[in-house]
PDB file of all heavy atoms in Angstrom:
ATOM      1  N   LEU A   1     -74.111 108.177  85.035  1.00  0.00           N
ATOM      2  CA  LEU A   1     -75.069 107.216  85.596  1.00  0.00           C
ATOM      3  C   LEU A   1     -74.908 107.061  87.100  1.00  0.00           C
ATOM      4  O   LEU A   1     -75.894 106.951  87.831  1.00  0.00           O
ATOM      5  CB  LEU A   1     -74.904 105.857  84.904  1.00  0.00           C
ATOM      6  CG  LEU A   1     -75.328 105.803  83.427  1.00  0.00           C
ATOM      7  CD1 LEU A   1     -74.928 104.468  82.801  1.00  0.00           C
ATOM      8  CD2 LEU A   1     -76.836 106.021  83.286  1.00  0.00           C
ATOM      9  N   ILE A   2     -73.671 107.048  87.566  1.00  0.00           N
ATOM     10  CA  ILE A   2     -73.419 106.917  89.004  1.00  0.00           C
ATOM     11  C   ILE A   2     -74.089 108.060  89.762  1.00  0.00           C
ATOM     12  O   ILE A   2     -74.678 107.863  90.832  1.00  0.00           O
ATOM     13  CB  ILE A   2     -71.898 106.881  89.277  1.00  0.00           C
ATOM     14  CG1 ILE A   2     -71.324 105.524  88.839  1.00  0.00           C
ATOM     15  CG2 ILE A   2     -71.606 107.110  90.768  1.00  0.00           C
ATOM     16  CD1 ILE A   2     -69.809 105.473  88.863  1.00  0.00           C
ATOM     17  N   ASP A   3     -74.020 109.262  89.230  1.00  0.00           N
ATOM     18  CA  ASP A   3     -74.640 110.427  89.862  1.00  0.00           C
ATOM     19  C   ASP A   3     -76.162 110.286  89.930  1.00  0.00           C
ATOM     20  O   ASP A   3     -76.816 110.926  90.760  1.00  0.00           O
ATOM     21  CB  ASP A   3     -74.266 111.694  89.088  1.00  0.00           C
ATOM     22  CG  ASP A   3     -74.660 112.959  89.838  1.00  0.00           C
ATOM     23  OD1 ASP A   3     -74.406 113.032  91.055  1.00  0.00           O
ATOM     24  OD2 ASP A   3     -75.235 113.868  89.204  1.00  0.00           O
ATOM     25  N   LEU A   4     -76.732 109.418  89.048  1.00  0.00           N
ATOM     26  CA  LEU A   4     -78.179 109.201  89.021  1.00  0.00           C
ATOM     27  C   LEU A   4     -78.575 107.882  89.682  1.00  0.00           C
ATOM     28  O   LEU A   4     -79.712 107.438  89.575  1.00  0.00           O
ATOM     29  CB  LEU A   4     -78.672 109.220  87.571  1.00  0.00           C
ATOM     30  CG  LEU A   4     -78.478 110.544  86.823  1.00  0.00           C
ATOM     31  CD1 LEU A   4     -78.826 110.375  85.346  1.00  0.00           C
ATOM     32  CD2 LEU A   4     -79.338 111.631  87.439  1.00  0.00           C
ATOM     33  N   GLY A   5     -77.614 107.242  90.350  1.00  0.00           N
ATOM     34  CA  GLY A   5     -77.903 106.005  91.069  1.00  0.00           C
ATOM     35  C   GLY A   5     -77.845 104.755  90.212  1.00  0.00           C
ATOM     36  O   GLY A   5     -78.266 103.684  90.655  1.00  0.00           O
ATOM     37  N   MET A   6     -77.325 104.870  88.991  1.00  0.00           N
ATOM     38  CA  MET A   6     -77.257 103.722  88.085  1.00  0.00           C
ATOM     39  C   MET A   6     -75.809 103.398  87.745  1.00  0.00           C
ATOM     40  O   MET A   6     -74.901 104.175  88.035  1.00  0.00           O
ATOM     41  CB  MET A   6     -78.051 104.016  86.813  1.00  0.00           C
ATOM     42  CG  MET A   6     -79.534 104.239  87.049  1.00  0.00           C
ATOM     43  SD  MET A   6     -80.474 104.540  85.527  1.00  0.00           S
ATOM     44  CE  MET A   6     -80.114 106.271  85.246  1.00  0.00           C
ATOM     45  N   LYS A   7     -75.596 102.237  87.125  1.00  0.00           N
ATOM     46  CA  LYS A   7     -74.238 101.881  86.715  1.00  0.00           C
ATOM     47  C   LYS A   7     -74.278 100.981  85.492  1.00  0.00           C
ATOM     48  O   LYS A   7     -75.267 100.277  85.236  1.00  0.00           O
ATOM     49  CB  LYS A   7     -73.499 101.178  87.857  1.00  0.00           C
ATOM     50  CG  LYS A   7     -74.097  99.857  88.288  1.00  0.00           C
ATOM     51  CD  LYS A   7     -73.293  99.247  89.432  1.00  0.00           C
ATOM     52  CE  LYS A   7     -73.883  97.903  89.874  1.00  0.00           C
ATOM     53  NZ  LYS A   7     -73.111  97.291  90.967  1.00  0.00           N
ATOM     54  N   LEU A   8     -73.180 101.011  84.744  1.00  0.00           N
ATOM     55  CA  LEU A   8     -73.065 100.160  83.568  1.00  0.00           C
ATOM     56  C   LEU A   8     -72.844  98.712  83.974  1.00  0.00           C
ATOM     57  O   LEU A   8     -72.266  98.415  85.030  1.00  0.00           O
ATOM     58  CB  LEU A   8     -71.914 100.633  82.680  1.00  0.00           C
ATOM     59  CG  LEU A   8     -72.115 101.968  81.972  1.00  0.00           C
ATOM     60  CD1 LEU A   8     -70.878 102.312  81.145  1.00  0.00           C
ATOM     61  CD2 LEU A   8     -73.352 101.942  81.075  1.00  0.00           C
ATOM     62  N   ASN A   9     -73.297  97.821  83.116  1.00  0.00           N
ATOM     63  CA  ASN A   9     -73.163  96.382  83.349  1.00  0.00           C
ATOM     64  C   ASN A   9     -71.831  95.915  82.775  1.00  0.00           C
ATOM     65  O   ASN A   9     -71.675  95.791  81.565  1.00  0.00           O
ATOM     66  CB  ASN A   9     -74.329  95.656  82.675  1.00  0.00           C
ATOM     67  CG  ASN A   9     -74.388  94.195  83.037  1.00  0.00           C
ATOM     68  OD1 ASN A   9     -73.387  93.589  83.414  1.00  0.00           O
ATOM     69  ND2 ASN A   9     -75.573  93.620  82.920  1.00  0.00           N
ATOM     70  N   ALA A  10     -70.870  95.657  83.655  1.00  0.00           N
ATOM     71  CA  ALA A  10     -69.525  95.270  83.202  1.00  0.00           C
ATOM     72  C   ALA A  10     -69.553  93.979  82.399  1.00  0.00           C
ATOM     73  O   ALA A  10     -68.806  93.816  81.428  1.00  0.00           O
ATOM     74  CB  ALA A  10     -68.603  95.126  84.411  1.00  0.00           C
ATOM     75  N   ASP A  11     -70.443  93.055  82.774  1.00  0.00           N
ATOM     76  CA  ASP A  11     -70.499  91.762  82.092  1.00  0.00           C
ATOM     77  C   ASP A  11     -71.017  91.879  80.662  1.00  0.00           C
ATOM     78  O   ASP A  11     -70.777  91.001  79.832  1.00  0.00           O
ATOM     79  CB  ASP A  11     -71.387  90.783  82.868  1.00  0.00           C
ATOM     80  CG  ASP A  11     -70.789  90.404  84.209  1.00  0.00           C
ATOM     81  OD1 ASP A  11     -69.551  90.498  84.339  1.00  0.00           O
ATOM     82  OD2 ASP A  11     -71.546  90.025  85.121  1.00  0.00           O
ATOM     83  N   LYS A  12     -71.766  92.940  80.381  1.00  0.00           N
ATOM     84  CA  LYS A  12     -72.329  93.119  79.042  1.00  0.00           C
ATOM     85  C   LYS A  12     -71.665  94.251  78.270  1.00  0.00           C
ATOM     86  O   LYS A  12     -72.181  94.687  77.254  1.00  0.00           O
ATOM     87  CB  LYS A  12     -73.838  93.366  79.149  1.00  0.00           C
ATOM     88  CG  LYS A  12     -74.622  92.141  79.610  1.00  0.00           C
ATOM     89  CD  LYS A  12     -76.119  92.387  79.529  1.00  0.00           C
ATOM     90  CE  LYS A  12     -76.909  91.153  79.936  1.00  0.00           C
ATOM     91  NZ  LYS A  12     -78.368  91.380  79.845  1.00  0.00           N
ATOM     92  N   THR A  13     -70.519  94.704  78.758  1.00  0.00           N
ATOM     93  CA  THR A  13     -69.762  95.728  78.046  1.00  0.00           C
ATOM     94  C   THR A  13     -68.740  95.031  77.164  1.00  0.00           C
ATOM     95  O   THR A  13     -67.792  94.424  77.655  1.00  0.00           O
ATOM     96  CB  THR A  13     -69.078  96.691  79.026  1.00  0.00           C
ATOM     97  OG1 THR A  13     -70.088  97.342  79.820  1.00  0.00           O
ATOM     98  CG2 THR A  13     -68.260  97.733  78.294  1.00  0.00           C
ATOM     99  N   ILE A  14     -68.971  95.097  75.858  1.00  0.00           N
ATOM    100  CA  ILE A  14     -68.156  94.348  74.894  1.00  0.00           C
ATOM    101  C   ILE A  14     -67.727  95.291  73.776  1.00  0.00           C
ATOM    102  O   ILE A  14     -68.543  96.037  73.227  1.00  0.00           O
ATOM    103  CB  ILE A  14     -68.949  93.170  74.300  1.00  0.00           C
ATOM    104  CG1 ILE A  14     -69.428  92.234  75.423  1.00  0.00           C
ATOM    105  CG2 ILE A  14     -68.121  92.404  73.278  1.00  0.00           C
ATOM    106  CD1 ILE A  14     -70.435  91.208  74.964  1.00  0.00           C
ATOM    107  N   ALA A  15     -66.455  95.229  73.429  1.00  0.00           N
ATOM    108  CA  ALA A  15     -65.922  96.062  72.354  1.00  0.00           C
ATOM    109  C   ALA A  15     -65.536  95.188  71.167  1.00  0.00           C
ATOM    110  O   ALA A  15     -65.193  94.012  71.329  1.00  0.00           O
ATOM    111  CB  ALA A  15     -64.708  96.836  72.849  1.00  0.00           C
ATOM    112  N   SER A  16     -65.601  95.791  69.979  1.00  0.00           N
ATOM    113  CA  SER A  16     -65.274  95.030  68.773  1.00  0.00           C
ATOM    114  C   SER A  16     -64.833  95.957  67.653  1.00  0.00           C
ATOM    115  O   SER A  16     -65.310  97.091  67.547  1.00  0.00           O
ATOM    116  CB  SER A  16     -66.493  94.222  68.307  1.00  0.00           C
ATOM    117  OG  SER A  16     -66.230  93.568  67.084  1.00  0.00           O
ATOM    118  N   ASN A  17     -63.904  95.454  66.828  1.00  0.00           N
ATOM    119  CA  ASN A  17     -63.542  96.186  65.619  1.00  0.00           C
ATOM    120  C   ASN A  17     -64.189  95.556  64.386  1.00  0.00           C
ATOM    121  O   ASN A  17     -63.855  95.908  63.260  1.00  0.00           O
ATOM    122  CB  ASN A  17     -62.020  96.268  65.463  1.00  0.00           C
ATOM    123  CG  ASN A  17     -61.371  94.888  65.420  1.00  0.00           C
ATOM    124  OD1 ASN A  17     -62.063  93.871  65.354  1.00  0.00           O
ATOM    125  ND2 ASN A  17     -60.048  94.863  65.474  1.00  0.00           N
ATOM    126  N   ASP A  18     -65.105  94.600  64.623  1.00  0.00           N
ATOM    127  CA  ASP A  18     -65.897  94.000  63.544  1.00  0.00           C
ATOM    128  C   ASP A  18     -67.340  94.468  63.718  1.00  0.00           C
ATOM    129  O   ASP A  18     -68.162  93.815  64.366  1.00  0.00           O
ATOM    130  CB  ASP A  18     -65.812  92.474  63.606  1.00  0.00           C
ATOM    131  CG  ASP A  18     -66.463  91.796  62.399  1.00  0.00           C
ATOM    132  OD1 ASP A  18     -67.330  92.431  61.767  1.00  0.00           O
ATOM    133  OD2 ASP A  18     -66.119  90.637  62.100  1.00  0.00           O
ATOM    134  N   ILE A  19     -67.647  95.612  63.164  1.00  0.00           N
ATOM    135  CA  ILE A  19     -68.951  96.235  63.396  1.00  0.00           C
ATOM    136  C   ILE A  19     -70.081  95.415  62.795  1.00  0.00           C
ATOM    137  O   ILE A  19     -71.145  95.271  63.409  1.00  0.00           O
ATOM    138  CB  ILE A  19     -68.965  97.679  62.852  1.00  0.00           C
ATOM    139  CG1 ILE A  19     -68.000  98.548  63.683  1.00  0.00           C
ATOM    140  CG2 ILE A  19     -70.374  98.271  62.891  1.00  0.00           C
ATOM    141  CD1 ILE A  19     -67.903  99.987  63.209  1.00  0.00           C
ATOM    142  N   ILE A  20     -69.887  94.854  61.613  1.00  0.00           N
ATOM    143  CA  ILE A  20     -70.944  94.065  60.976  1.00  0.00           C
ATOM    144  C   ILE A  20     -71.325  92.872  61.848  1.00  0.00           C
ATOM    145  O   ILE A  20     -72.509  92.652  62.150  1.00  0.00           O
ATOM    146  CB  ILE A  20     -70.498  93.579  59.583  1.00  0.00           C
ATOM    147  CG1 ILE A  20     -70.261  94.771  58.648  1.00  0.00           C
ATOM    148  CG2 ILE A  20     -71.539  92.617  58.997  1.00  0.00           C
ATOM    149  CD1 ILE A  20     -71.497  95.555  58.300  1.00  0.00           C
ATOM    150  N   LYS A  21     -70.346  92.116  62.272  1.00  0.00           N
ATOM    151  CA  LYS A  21     -70.618  90.918  63.078  1.00  0.00           C
ATOM    152  C   LYS A  21     -71.261  91.278  64.407  1.00  0.00           C
ATOM    153  O   LYS A  21     -72.228  90.641  64.845  1.00  0.00           O
ATOM    154  CB  LYS A  21     -69.330  90.136  63.308  1.00  0.00           C
ATOM    155  CG  LYS A  21     -69.532  88.819  64.052  1.00  0.00           C
ATOM    156  CD  LYS A  21     -68.215  88.075  64.174  1.00  0.00           C
ATOM    157  CE  LYS A  21     -68.417  86.750  64.929  1.00  0.00           C
ATOM    158  NZ  LYS A  21     -67.141  86.010  65.054  1.00  0.00           N
ATOM    159  N   SER A  22     -70.742  92.307  65.052  1.00  0.00           N
ATOM    160  CA  SER A  22     -71.256  92.663  66.373  1.00  0.00           C
ATOM    161  C   SER A  22     -72.604  93.372  66.302  1.00  0.00           C
ATOM    162  O   SER A  22     -73.280  93.527  67.317  1.00  0.00           O
ATOM    163  CB  SER A  22     -70.253  93.537  67.116  1.00  0.00           C
ATOM    164  OG  SER A  22     -70.105  94.786  66.463  1.00  0.00           O
ATOM    165  N   SER A  23     -73.008  93.810  65.102  1.00  0.00           N
ATOM    166  CA  SER A  23     -74.317  94.454  64.954  1.00  0.00           C
ATOM    167  C   SER A  23     -75.452  93.461  65.134  1.00  0.00           C
ATOM    168  O   SER A  23     -76.572  93.836  65.488  1.00  0.00           O
ATOM    169  CB  SER A  23     -74.434  95.101  63.564  1.00  0.00           C
ATOM    170  OG  SER A  23     -73.515  96.165  63.436  1.00  0.00           O
ATOM    171  N   ILE A  24     -75.166  92.195  64.866  1.00  0.00           N
ATOM    172  CA  ILE A  24     -76.180  91.140  64.970  1.00  0.00           C
ATOM    173  C   ILE A  24     -75.958  90.397  66.278  1.00  0.00           C
ATOM    174  O   ILE A  24     -74.849  89.919  66.551  1.00  0.00           O
ATOM    175  CB  ILE A  24     -76.085  90.168  63.786  1.00  0.00           C
ATOM    176  CG1 ILE A  24     -76.165  90.941  62.465  1.00  0.00           C
ATOM    177  CG2 ILE A  24     -77.190  89.114  63.854  1.00  0.00           C
ATOM    178  CD1 ILE A  24     -75.817  90.114  61.251  1.00  0.00           C
ATOM    179  N   LYS A  25     -76.986  90.285  67.085  1.00  0.00           N
ATOM    180  CA  LYS A  25     -76.840  89.642  68.386  1.00  0.00           C
ATOM    181  C   LYS A  25     -76.414  88.185  68.223  1.00  0.00           C
ATOM    182  O   LYS A  25     -76.743  87.523  67.239  1.00  0.00           O
ATOM    183  CB  LYS A  25     -78.134  89.739  69.180  1.00  0.00           C
ATOM    184  CG  LYS A  25     -78.410  91.163  69.671  1.00  0.00           C
ATOM    185  CD  LYS A  25     -79.342  91.162  70.852  1.00  0.00           C
ATOM    186  CE  LYS A  25     -79.357  92.518  71.530  1.00  0.00           C
ATOM    187  NZ  LYS A  25     -80.092  92.512  72.786  1.00  0.00           N
ATOM    188  N   ALA A  26     -75.698  87.690  69.242  1.00  0.00           N
ATOM    189  CA  ALA A  26     -75.091  86.354  69.162  1.00  0.00           C
ATOM    190  C   ALA A  26     -76.124  85.262  68.922  1.00  0.00           C
ATOM    191  O   ALA A  26     -75.868  84.301  68.177  1.00  0.00           O
ATOM    192  CB  ALA A  26     -74.298  86.076  70.438  1.00  0.00           C
ATOM    193  N   ASP A  27     -77.295  85.375  69.545  1.00  0.00           N
ATOM    194  CA  ASP A  27     -78.322  84.343  69.370  1.00  0.00           C
ATOM    195  C   ASP A  27     -78.824  84.308  67.927  1.00  0.00           C
ATOM    196  O   ASP A  27     -79.076  83.238  67.364  1.00  0.00           O
ATOM    197  CB  ASP A  27     -79.486  84.558  70.345  1.00  0.00           C
ATOM    198  CG  ASP A  27     -80.081  85.962  70.248  1.00  0.00           C
ATOM    199  OD1 ASP A  27     -79.332  86.928  70.378  1.00  0.00           O
ATOM    200  OD2 ASP A  27     -81.307  86.077  70.040  1.00  0.00           O
ATOM    201  N   LYS A  28     -78.954  85.486  67.329  1.00  0.00           N
ATOM    202  CA  LYS A  28     -79.411  85.543  65.946  1.00  0.00           C
ATOM    203  C   LYS A  28     -78.339  85.019  64.992  1.00  0.00           C
ATOM    204  O   LYS A  28     -78.644  84.313  64.017  1.00  0.00           O
ATOM    205  CB  LYS A  28     -79.789  86.979  65.590  1.00  0.00           C
ATOM    206  CG  LYS A  28     -80.475  87.115  64.247  1.00  0.00           C
ATOM    207  CD  LYS A  28     -81.032  88.513  64.069  1.00  0.00           C
ATOM    208  CE  LYS A  28     -81.797  88.626  62.763  1.00  0.00           C
ATOM    209  NZ  LYS A  28     -82.393  89.962  62.603  1.00  0.00           N
ATOM    210  N   ARG A  29     -77.067  85.343  65.272  1.00  0.00           N
ATOM    211  CA  ARG A  29     -75.972  84.821  64.445  1.00  0.00           C
ATOM    212  C   ARG A  29     -75.941  83.301  64.495  1.00  0.00           C
ATOM    213  O   ARG A  29     -75.787  82.640  63.467  1.00  0.00           O
ATOM    214  CB  ARG A  29     -74.620  85.377  64.918  1.00  0.00           C
ATOM    215  CG  ARG A  29     -74.429  86.856  64.704  1.00  0.00           C
ATOM    216  CD  ARG A  29     -72.941  87.220  64.705  1.00  0.00           C
ATOM    217  NE  ARG A  29     -72.240  86.753  65.891  1.00  0.00           N
ATOM    218  CZ  ARG A  29     -72.075  87.481  66.983  1.00  0.00           C
ATOM    219  NH1 ARG A  29     -72.568  88.714  67.041  1.00  0.00           N
ATOM    220  NH2 ARG A  29     -71.403  87.004  68.017  1.00  0.00           N
ATOM    221  N   TYR A  30     -76.097  82.766  65.686  1.00  0.00           N
ATOM    222  CA  TYR A  30     -76.087  81.306  65.855  1.00  0.00           C
ATOM    223  C   TYR A  30     -77.205  80.670  65.031  1.00  0.00           C
ATOM    224  O   TYR A  30     -77.002  79.657  64.347  1.00  0.00           O
ATOM    225  CB  TYR A  30     -76.249  80.959  67.331  1.00  0.00           C
ATOM    226  CG  TYR A  30     -76.441  79.473  67.600  1.00  0.00           C
ATOM    227  CD1 TYR A  30     -75.347  78.633  67.754  1.00  0.00           C
ATOM    228  CD2 TYR A  30     -77.721  78.916  67.686  1.00  0.00           C
ATOM    229  CE1 TYR A  30     -75.518  77.272  67.994  1.00  0.00           C
ATOM    230  CE2 TYR A  30     -77.910  77.572  67.914  1.00  0.00           C
ATOM    231  CZ  TYR A  30     -76.807  76.755  68.070  1.00  0.00           C
ATOM    232  OH  TYR A  30     -76.989  75.415  68.295  1.00  0.00           O
ATOM    233  N   TRP A  31     -78.406  81.278  65.083  1.00  0.00           N
ATOM    234  CA  TRP A  31     -79.555  80.714  64.368  1.00  0.00           C
ATOM    235  C   TRP A  31     -79.341  80.785  62.858  1.00  0.00           C
ATOM    236  O   TRP A  31     -79.635  79.823  62.140  1.00  0.00           O
ATOM    237  CB  TRP A  31     -80.824  81.444  64.776  1.00  0.00           C
ATOM    238  CG  TRP A  31     -82.084  80.843  64.217  1.00  0.00           C
ATOM    239  CD1 TRP A  31     -82.920  81.391  63.292  1.00  0.00           C
ATOM    240  CD2 TRP A  31     -82.646  79.572  64.559  1.00  0.00           C
ATOM    241  NE1 TRP A  31     -83.978  80.546  63.045  1.00  0.00           N
ATOM    242  CE2 TRP A  31     -83.837  79.421  63.807  1.00  0.00           C
ATOM    243  CE3 TRP A  31     -82.263  78.559  65.433  1.00  0.00           C
ATOM    244  CZ2 TRP A  31     -84.642  78.294  63.890  1.00  0.00           C
ATOM    245  CZ3 TRP A  31     -83.065  77.423  65.523  1.00  0.00           C
ATOM    246  CH2 TRP A  31     -84.237  77.299  64.756  1.00  0.00           C
TER     247      TRP A  31
END
């Protein structure tokens, strides 16, 4: 991405070992 003038969003880079939970966005889980 850097070579193409773009970059990853560090604030939205999130890792998890709970794939089921992280598959559903936080706003939807809350609702």
